[in-house]
Amino acid sequence: MKKPLVIFIELKIASKNRCICDIVEKLYENNITITIYTEDNKNANQLDDLLWTWKQDSFIPHVIAGSGNDLNDVTILFSSESMPETQAIVLTDPLPAEKLISYDMIIDFAEIYHSDKKQASRNRYKELRDSGKFDLYFMQLGAFLAKQKISLNQTQ
């Protein structure tokens, strides 16, 4: 059985939501279904607005889970009670490993612009590595976005 792929994307500045839009666009272009997880409704609404407006020439259909709309290829989630069945999850906030194991690809962030966030990122990486249940990679955002094809099996 293949292990879920966890990619830690390095963030040098506090622009996570804009980076998430770029990552979601890349995954969506590769026909990968996506959950975007955040801990609060306010950030879910910010991501919802940003996905509509961050690029004039880009359109990524999406829904906020629980909004009454049917689930889509891209779902923004702000509660970990009922996780959508998608291929990938992009984390704005951490989730325990047991919530991540059902995804083929997990995108997390190494937030190196702040010492506390950097340490928290390292702790998450170590927890996932030590569980032995995930294949972990570290990438620059530009390298991830430059890939011609995103595969759920590997980072090549």
Protein backbone atom coordinates (compact mmCIF):
# COMPACT_ATOMS: atom_id res chain seq x y z
CA MET A 1 0.00 0.00 0.00
CA LYS A 2 1.41 3.35 -0.99
CA LYS A 3 1.94 6.02 1.61
CA PRO A 4 0.35 9.45 1.31
CA LEU A 5 2.68 12.08 -0.11
CA VAL A 6 3.31 15.09 2.15
CA ILE A 7 4.91 18.13 0.55
CA PHE A 8 6.12 20.92 2.79
CA ILE A 9 6.27 24.16 0.79
CA GLU A 10 8.71 26.77 2.09
CA LEU A 11 7.15 30.15 2.85
CA LYS A 12 9.64 32.99 3.28
CA ILE A 13 6.94 35.65 3.76
CA ALA A 14 3.50 35.62 5.38
CA SER A 15 1.44 35.19 2.21
CA LYS A 16 0.01 31.72 2.76
CA ASN A 17 -3.46 32.32 1.32
CA ARG A 18 -2.08 33.69 -1.97
CA CYS A 19 0.30 30.72 -2.18
CA ILE A 20 -2.62 28.40 -1.53
CA CYS A 21 -4.45 29.89 -4.53
CA ASP A 22 -1.45 29.18 -6.77
CA ILE A 23 -1.11 25.64 -5.42
CA VAL A 24 -4.83 24.91 -5.77
CA GLU A 25 -4.75 26.21 -9.35
CA LYS A 26 -1.85 23.87 -10.18
CA LEU A 27 -3.56 20.86 -8.61
CA TYR A 28 -6.90 21.71 -10.26
CA GLU A 29 -5.19 21.97 -13.68
CA ASN A 30 -3.89 18.43 -13.06
CA ASN A 31 -7.43 17.13 -12.38
CA ILE A 32 -6.76 16.54 -8.70
CA THR A 33 -9.67 17.07 -6.30
CA ILE A 34 -8.77 19.29 -3.36
CA THR A 35 -9.82 20.12 0.18
CA ILE A 36 -8.48 23.36 1.65
CA TYR A 37 -8.54 23.14 5.44
CA THR A 38 -8.62 26.11 7.77
CA GLU A 39 -9.63 26.27 11.43
CA ASP A 40 -12.01 29.19 11.19
CA ASN A 41 -14.92 30.48 9.16
CA LYS A 42 -13.33 33.92 8.71
CA ASN A 43 -10.29 32.49 6.90
CA ALA A 44 -12.58 30.17 4.88
CA ASN A 45 -14.44 33.25 3.63
CA GLN A 46 -11.16 35.06 2.89
CA LEU A 47 -9.97 32.07 0.84
CA ASP A 48 -13.35 31.91 -0.91
CA ASP A 49 -13.07 35.58 -1.91
CA LEU A 50 -9.42 35.23 -2.91
CA LEU A 51 -10.06 32.21 -5.14
CA TRP A 52 -12.53 34.37 -7.12
CA THR A 53 -10.34 37.47 -7.37
CA TRP A 54 -6.61 36.70 -7.11
CA LYS A 55 -6.14 36.34 -10.88
CA GLN A 56 -8.29 37.88 -13.57
CA ASP A 57 -7.62 35.09 -16.07
CA SER A 58 -8.15 32.19 -13.67
CA PHE A 59 -11.34 30.49 -12.56
CA ILE A 60 -11.37 27.72 -9.99
CA PRO A 61 -14.87 26.53 -9.13
CA HIS A 62 -15.10 25.86 -5.42
CA VAL A 63 -17.48 25.69 -2.48
CA ILE A 64 -17.32 26.16 1.26
CA ALA A 65 -18.34 22.91 2.93
CA GLY A 66 -21.69 23.23 4.69
CA SER A 67 -22.82 26.18 2.57
CA GLY A 68 -25.66 24.17 1.08
CA ASN A 69 -23.92 23.88 -2.30
CA ASP A 70 -22.96 20.51 -3.68
CA LEU A 71 -19.38 19.48 -3.04
CA ASN A 72 -17.06 20.35 -5.85
CA ASP A 73 -13.56 19.54 -7.09
CA VAL A 74 -12.32 22.20 -4.65
CA THR A 75 -13.85 22.39 -1.18
CA ILE A 76 -12.93 24.86 1.56
CA LEU A 77 -13.41 23.28 4.98
CA PHE A 78 -13.31 24.97 8.40
CA SER A 79 -14.29 22.02 10.57
CA SER A 80 -12.49 18.70 10.78
CA GLU A 81 -15.66 16.85 11.82
CA SER A 82 -16.57 15.63 8.32
CA MET A 83 -13.65 15.53 5.93
CA PRO A 84 -14.51 15.59 2.18
CA GLU A 85 -13.28 12.69 0.10
CA THR A 86 -10.78 14.40 -2.18
CA GLN A 87 -7.37 13.33 -3.44
CA ALA A 88 -5.40 16.19 -1.90
CA ILE A 89 -5.63 18.47 1.11
CA VAL A 90 -3.96 21.86 1.46
CA LEU A 91 -3.50 22.91 5.08
CA THR A 92 -3.70 26.48 6.27
CA ASP A 93 -3.79 25.10 9.80
CA PRO A 94 -2.48 21.79 11.13
CA LEU A 95 -4.47 18.60 11.45
CA PRO A 96 -3.49 15.43 13.31
CA ALA A 97 -1.90 12.66 11.24
CA GLU A 98 -4.95 10.41 11.61
CA LYS A 99 -7.07 13.02 9.76
CA LEU A 100 -4.55 13.12 6.88
CA ILE A 101 -3.97 9.44 6.20
CA SER A 102 -6.89 9.08 3.76
CA TYR A 103 -5.50 11.71 1.34
CA ASP A 104 -3.09 10.86 -1.48
CA MET A 105 -1.34 14.24 -1.22
CA ILE A 106 -1.01 16.63 1.69
CA ILE A 107 0.36 20.15 1.20
CA ASP A 108 1.68 21.79 4.36
CA PHE A 109 3.92 24.80 4.83
CA ALA A 110 7.32 25.42 6.36
CA GLU A 111 6.79 28.99 7.52
CA ILE A 112 10.37 30.11 7.94
CA TYR A 113 9.56 33.84 8.21
CA HIS A 114 8.72 33.57 11.93
CA SER A 115 10.67 31.57 14.53
CA ASP A 116 7.60 30.14 16.32
CA LYS A 117 5.93 29.12 13.04
CA LYS A 118 9.21 27.65 11.81
CA GLN A 119 9.48 25.51 14.95
CA ALA A 120 5.84 24.41 14.67
CA SER A 121 6.48 23.41 11.03
CA ARG A 122 9.51 21.37 12.09
CA ASN A 123 7.45 19.66 14.80
CA ARG A 124 4.73 18.71 12.29
CA TYR A 125 7.33 17.39 9.86
CA LYS A 126 8.95 15.32 12.61
CA GLU A 127 5.59 13.94 13.80
CA LEU A 128 4.63 12.82 10.29
CA ARG A 129 8.11 11.41 9.58
CA ASP A 130 8.22 9.52 12.87
CA SER A 131 4.79 7.97 12.26
CA GLY A 132 6.26 6.07 9.28
CA LYS A 133 2.95 6.43 7.44
CA PHE A 134 3.87 9.21 5.01
CA ASP A 135 6.44 10.00 2.30
CA LEU A 136 7.71 13.50 3.02
CA TYR A 137 9.28 16.08 0.71
CA PHE A 138 10.36 19.68 1.06
CA MET A 139 9.99 22.01 -1.93
CA GLN A 140 10.23 25.64 -2.87
CA LEU A 141 6.91 27.09 -4.08
CA GLY A 142 8.41 27.99 -7.45
CA ALA A 143 9.66 24.43 -8.00
CA PHE A 144 6.23 23.02 -7.20
CA LEU A 145 4.45 25.45 -9.53
CA ALA A 146 7.01 24.88 -12.32
CA LYS A 147 6.32 21.15 -12.50
CA GLN A 148 4.71 20.17 -15.79
CA LYS A 149 2.65 17.38 -14.25
CA ILE A 150 1.69 16.90 -10.63
CA SER A 151 1.53 13.23 -9.71
CA LEU A 152 -0.14 11.82 -6.63
CA ASN A 153 2.49 9.08 -6.48
CA GLN A 154 5.70 11.08 -6.34
CA THR A 155 7.23 14.53 -6.61
CA GLN A 156 9.13 13.75 -9.84
